[in-house]
Protein backbone atom coordinates (compact mmCIF):
# COMPACT_ATOMS: atom_id res chain seq x y z
CA MET A 1 110.64 -135.51 -146.00
CA TYR A 2 107.21 -136.25 -147.45
CA PHE A 3 106.24 -133.48 -149.84
CA GLY A 4 102.67 -133.40 -151.10
CA GLY A 5 102.70 -130.48 -153.48
CA LEU A 6 104.04 -127.09 -154.47
CA GLN A 7 102.02 -124.02 -155.37
CA LYS A 8 104.47 -121.73 -157.12
CA ASN A 9 102.61 -118.45 -156.66
CA SER A 10 99.98 -117.35 -154.15
CA LEU A 11 98.63 -113.95 -153.17
CA VAL A 12 96.40 -115.20 -150.35
CA ASP A 13 98.39 -117.63 -148.20
CA TYR A 14 100.92 -115.23 -146.66
CA PRO A 15 99.27 -111.91 -145.68
CA GLY A 16 100.67 -109.06 -147.73
CA LYS A 17 103.18 -111.20 -149.62
CA LEU A 18 103.55 -113.03 -152.91
CA SER A 19 104.53 -116.49 -151.76
CA SER A 20 105.12 -120.06 -152.77
CA VAL A 21 103.32 -122.72 -150.75
CA ILE A 22 105.00 -126.03 -149.92
CA PHE A 23 102.62 -128.78 -148.84
CA PHE A 24 103.71 -131.72 -146.71
CA SER A 25 101.93 -135.05 -146.84
CA GLY A 26 100.41 -136.65 -143.74
CA CYS A 27 98.44 -135.39 -140.76
CA ASN A 28 97.89 -136.60 -137.21
CA PHE A 29 94.32 -135.25 -137.11
CA ASP A 30 91.20 -136.62 -138.76
CA CYS A 31 89.04 -133.53 -139.26
CA PRO A 32 85.84 -134.56 -141.07
CA TYR A 33 85.72 -131.30 -143.03
CA CYS A 34 89.35 -131.33 -144.25
CA HIS A 35 89.57 -130.09 -147.85
CA ASN A 36 92.93 -131.77 -148.49
CA PRO A 37 91.99 -135.43 -147.94
CA GLU A 38 94.89 -136.84 -149.95
CA LEU A 39 97.41 -134.83 -147.97
CA ALA A 40 95.69 -135.66 -144.70
CA ARG A 41 95.80 -139.39 -145.37
CA GLY A 42 99.36 -139.24 -146.63
CA CYS A 43 99.20 -139.33 -150.42
CA ALA A 44 100.45 -142.54 -151.93
CA THR A 45 101.10 -140.81 -155.24
CA CYS A 46 102.95 -137.68 -154.16
CA PRO A 47 104.98 -136.08 -156.99
CA GLY A 48 108.28 -137.92 -157.24
CA ASP A 49 110.17 -134.82 -158.36
CA LEU A 50 109.35 -132.95 -155.16
CA THR A 51 112.57 -133.37 -153.21
CA THR A 52 114.35 -131.02 -150.86
CA GLU A 53 117.01 -130.45 -153.47
CA ASN A 54 114.54 -129.62 -156.24
CA ILE A 55 112.44 -127.33 -154.07
CA CYS A 56 115.52 -125.48 -152.86
CA GLY A 57 116.62 -125.11 -156.47
CA PHE A 58 113.23 -123.65 -157.35
CA LEU A 59 113.34 -121.19 -154.43
CA LYS A 60 116.85 -120.09 -155.34
CA GLN A 61 115.59 -119.19 -158.82
CA ARG A 62 112.73 -117.18 -157.28
CA GLN A 63 114.96 -114.91 -155.19
CA GLY A 64 113.99 -111.31 -155.88
CA PHE A 65 110.58 -112.38 -157.15
CA LEU A 66 108.87 -114.03 -154.18
CA ASP A 67 108.24 -112.21 -150.90
CA GLY A 68 107.96 -115.31 -148.72
CA VAL A 69 107.39 -119.05 -148.42
CA VAL A 70 104.50 -120.86 -146.73
CA VAL A 71 105.05 -124.29 -145.19
CA SER A 72 101.71 -126.09 -144.99
CA GLY A 73 100.15 -129.54 -145.09
CA GLY A 74 98.90 -131.95 -144.01
CA GLU A 75 100.71 -131.11 -140.79
CA PRO A 76 104.26 -129.83 -141.31
CA THR A 77 105.40 -130.29 -137.71
CA LEU A 78 105.30 -134.07 -138.19
CA GLN A 79 108.37 -133.82 -140.45
CA ASN A 80 111.54 -134.66 -138.54
CA ASP A 81 113.69 -132.36 -140.69
CA LEU A 82 111.34 -129.38 -140.63
CA ALA A 83 113.73 -127.12 -138.71
CA ASP A 84 116.59 -127.80 -141.14
CA PHE A 85 114.26 -127.24 -144.08
CA CYS A 86 113.08 -123.89 -142.71
CA LYS A 87 116.71 -122.96 -142.16
CA LYS A 88 117.40 -123.61 -145.84
CA ILE A 89 114.46 -121.41 -146.85
CA LYS A 90 115.66 -118.63 -144.56
CA GLY A 91 119.09 -119.00 -146.12
CA PHE A 92 117.61 -117.82 -149.43
CA GLY A 93 116.38 -114.68 -147.70
CA PHE A 94 112.71 -115.59 -147.53
CA PRO A 95 110.49 -115.09 -144.48
CA VAL A 96 108.68 -118.31 -143.55
CA LYS A 97 105.03 -118.73 -142.64
CA LEU A 98 103.97 -121.98 -140.97
CA ASP A 99 100.44 -123.41 -141.09
CA THR A 100 99.86 -125.80 -138.19
CA ASN A 101 97.17 -127.54 -136.16
CA GLY A 102 99.03 -126.77 -132.94
CA SER A 103 99.32 -130.39 -131.84
CA ARG A 104 103.11 -130.30 -131.37
CA PRO A 105 103.95 -127.32 -129.15
CA LYS A 106 107.57 -128.36 -128.61
CA VAL A 107 108.21 -128.17 -132.35
CA LEU A 108 106.64 -124.70 -132.47
CA GLU A 109 108.75 -123.60 -129.55
CA ARG A 110 111.96 -124.77 -131.24
CA LEU A 111 111.12 -123.09 -134.55
CA ILE A 112 110.37 -119.82 -132.75
CA ASP A 113 113.40 -119.98 -130.45
CA GLU A 114 115.74 -120.63 -133.38
CA GLN A 115 114.08 -117.83 -135.40
CA LEU A 116 113.19 -120.19 -138.24
CA VAL A 117 109.62 -118.92 -138.74
CA ASP A 118 108.29 -115.38 -139.12
CA TYR A 119 104.53 -115.97 -139.11
CA ILE A 120 102.45 -118.82 -137.71
CA ALA A 121 98.82 -119.56 -138.55
CA MET A 122 97.32 -122.01 -136.07
CA ASP A 123 94.00 -123.71 -136.63
CA LEU A 124 91.62 -123.84 -133.70
CA LYS A 125 89.30 -126.64 -134.73
CA THR A 126 86.80 -126.24 -131.90
CA ASP A 127 86.86 -125.85 -128.14
CA PRO A 128 90.00 -127.83 -127.11
CA VAL A 129 87.96 -129.99 -124.72
CA LEU A 130 85.96 -131.22 -127.73
CA TYR A 131 88.89 -132.37 -129.87
CA LYS A 132 88.43 -135.94 -128.60
CA SER A 133 84.87 -135.94 -129.87
CA TYR A 134 85.36 -134.36 -133.28
CA ILE A 135 89.03 -134.23 -134.29
CA LYS A 136 91.01 -137.14 -132.85
CA SER A 137 90.06 -139.55 -130.09
CA ASP A 138 93.39 -139.33 -128.26
CA CYS A 139 93.88 -135.56 -128.48
CA GLY A 140 93.27 -133.81 -125.19
CA PRO A 141 93.31 -130.04 -124.73
CA ASP A 142 96.81 -129.71 -123.24
CA PRO A 143 98.93 -129.50 -126.42
CA ILE A 144 96.47 -127.09 -128.02
CA LEU A 145 96.47 -124.84 -124.96
CA ALA A 146 100.28 -124.99 -124.83
CA SER A 147 100.55 -123.94 -128.48
CA ILE A 148 98.16 -121.04 -127.92
CA ARG A 149 100.33 -119.79 -125.08
CA ILE A 150 103.56 -120.20 -127.07
CA LEU A 151 102.22 -118.21 -130.02
CA MET A 152 100.80 -115.41 -127.94
CA GLU A 153 104.04 -115.03 -125.98
CA SER A 154 106.33 -115.41 -128.98
CA GLY A 155 106.55 -111.83 -130.23
CA ILE A 156 106.29 -112.99 -133.87
CA ASP A 157 103.37 -112.41 -136.20
CA TYR A 158 100.60 -115.00 -135.85
CA GLU A 159 96.94 -115.66 -136.35
CA PHE A 160 94.38 -118.14 -135.13
CA ARG A 161 91.76 -119.42 -137.53
CA THR A 162 88.64 -121.54 -137.27
CA THR A 163 86.69 -123.20 -140.06
CA CYS A 164 83.08 -122.59 -139.14
CA VAL A 165 81.29 -125.87 -139.72
CA LYS A 166 78.24 -127.24 -137.90
CA PRO A 167 78.07 -129.01 -135.44
CA ILE A 168 81.81 -128.88 -134.67
CA VAL A 169 81.74 -125.10 -134.28
CA THR A 170 78.87 -123.33 -132.55
CA LEU A 171 78.31 -119.92 -131.03
CA GLU A 172 79.27 -121.38 -127.67
CA THR A 173 82.54 -122.85 -128.93
CA ILE A 174 83.44 -119.54 -130.64
CA GLU A 175 82.85 -117.75 -127.34
CA ASN A 176 84.99 -120.28 -125.45
CA MET A 177 87.82 -120.16 -127.98
CA SER A 178 87.78 -116.36 -128.05
CA HIS A 179 88.22 -116.31 -124.30
CA LEU A 180 91.19 -118.69 -124.60
CA ILE A 181 92.94 -116.41 -127.10
CA GLN A 182 91.97 -113.17 -125.41
CA GLY A 183 94.12 -110.35 -126.78
CA ALA A 184 95.21 -112.29 -129.87
CA ARG A 185 96.38 -110.22 -132.83
CA LEU A 186 94.10 -111.82 -135.40
CA TYR A 187 91.30 -114.37 -135.37
CA ALA A 188 90.04 -115.48 -138.78
CA LEU A 189 86.69 -117.23 -139.12
CA GLN A 190 86.71 -119.28 -142.31
CA ARG A 191 83.71 -120.27 -144.41
CA PHE A 192 83.04 -123.96 -144.91
CA ARG A 193 81.96 -125.43 -148.22
CA ASN A 194 80.87 -129.06 -148.13
CA HIS A 195 82.60 -130.58 -151.13
CA GLY A 196 85.62 -132.83 -151.48
CA VAL A 197 85.99 -133.31 -147.73
CA LEU A 198 87.79 -136.08 -145.86
CA HIS A 199 84.69 -137.64 -144.26
CA PRO A 200 81.50 -136.66 -146.12
CA GLU A 201 79.64 -139.39 -144.22
CA PHE A 202 80.13 -137.39 -141.00
CA PHE A 203 77.60 -134.80 -142.13
CA GLY A 204 74.93 -137.23 -143.29
CA GLY A 205 73.01 -134.69 -145.32
CA VAL A 206 72.53 -132.38 -142.32
CA GLU A 207 72.96 -128.64 -142.83
CA ASN A 208 76.54 -127.76 -141.91
CA GLU A 209 77.34 -124.45 -143.63
CA TYR A 210 76.89 -121.11 -141.90
CA SER A 211 75.04 -118.35 -143.72
CA ASP A 212 76.58 -114.89 -144.03
CA GLU A 213 74.25 -113.64 -141.32
CA GLU A 214 75.23 -116.49 -138.97
CA LEU A 215 78.92 -115.86 -139.62
CA MET A 216 78.44 -112.24 -138.63
CA GLN A 217 76.91 -113.42 -135.35
CA LEU A 218 79.97 -115.59 -134.70
CA LYS A 219 82.23 -112.66 -135.54
CA ALA A 220 80.32 -110.40 -133.15
CA ALA A 221 80.84 -112.95 -130.37
CA ALA A 222 84.60 -113.10 -130.97
CA GLU A 223 85.38 -109.44 -131.61
CA PRO A 224 85.35 -108.18 -127.99
CA TRP A 225 88.10 -110.63 -127.05
CA VAL A 226 90.68 -110.20 -129.81
CA SER A 227 92.46 -107.31 -131.48
CA GLU A 228 90.98 -108.12 -134.88
CA CYS A 229 88.44 -110.67 -136.11
CA ILE A 230 87.78 -111.23 -139.79
CA ILE A 231 85.69 -113.55 -141.96
CA ARG A 232 87.39 -115.31 -144.86
């Protein structure tokens, strides 16, 4: 497995829980605004001491202290041994939250069916029909739509989240995505800050951050379609 990092304590990554966050290296998307460029590219200098054995040893020591573990990236579902790794985490008594881009619905389905995850946060980058234009040239809407359906029918806790960055996300795309996830438990609209991103050349000096007032307009467009919409 290709580990990219370990955050020992976090109060913000797993709602309502003190968690550790395990980052995997490598991603199959090429989002211009990604704030983890080294992880997205597949870091060539990942910490050598981050092994399955060492991480499991760390988690064993944190039993009774941590409330949960977050598996993030990069894109965790690219890891062939992800299910076995989640099983190890569950074996220590920790609930598992998975952060994913939703590109591998069969992996999500397996993790849910085998009860290896307790919470899934799926990124909706933009309207799924626009992924080819902004996210990855060979990514059509089908896997994203399949992952949406799987999460909403799963019965586990989940959220959808969108980083609000111009021109990838607009009022129209928020409206379209909200319709796709109609009835979803939680939809989080995330602020974008243009620093340290994967492809700064994509923005070319053009205004790409939403103001607080504009974010409220996006939130107002999404709210009628989901159970809860928040701004982060």
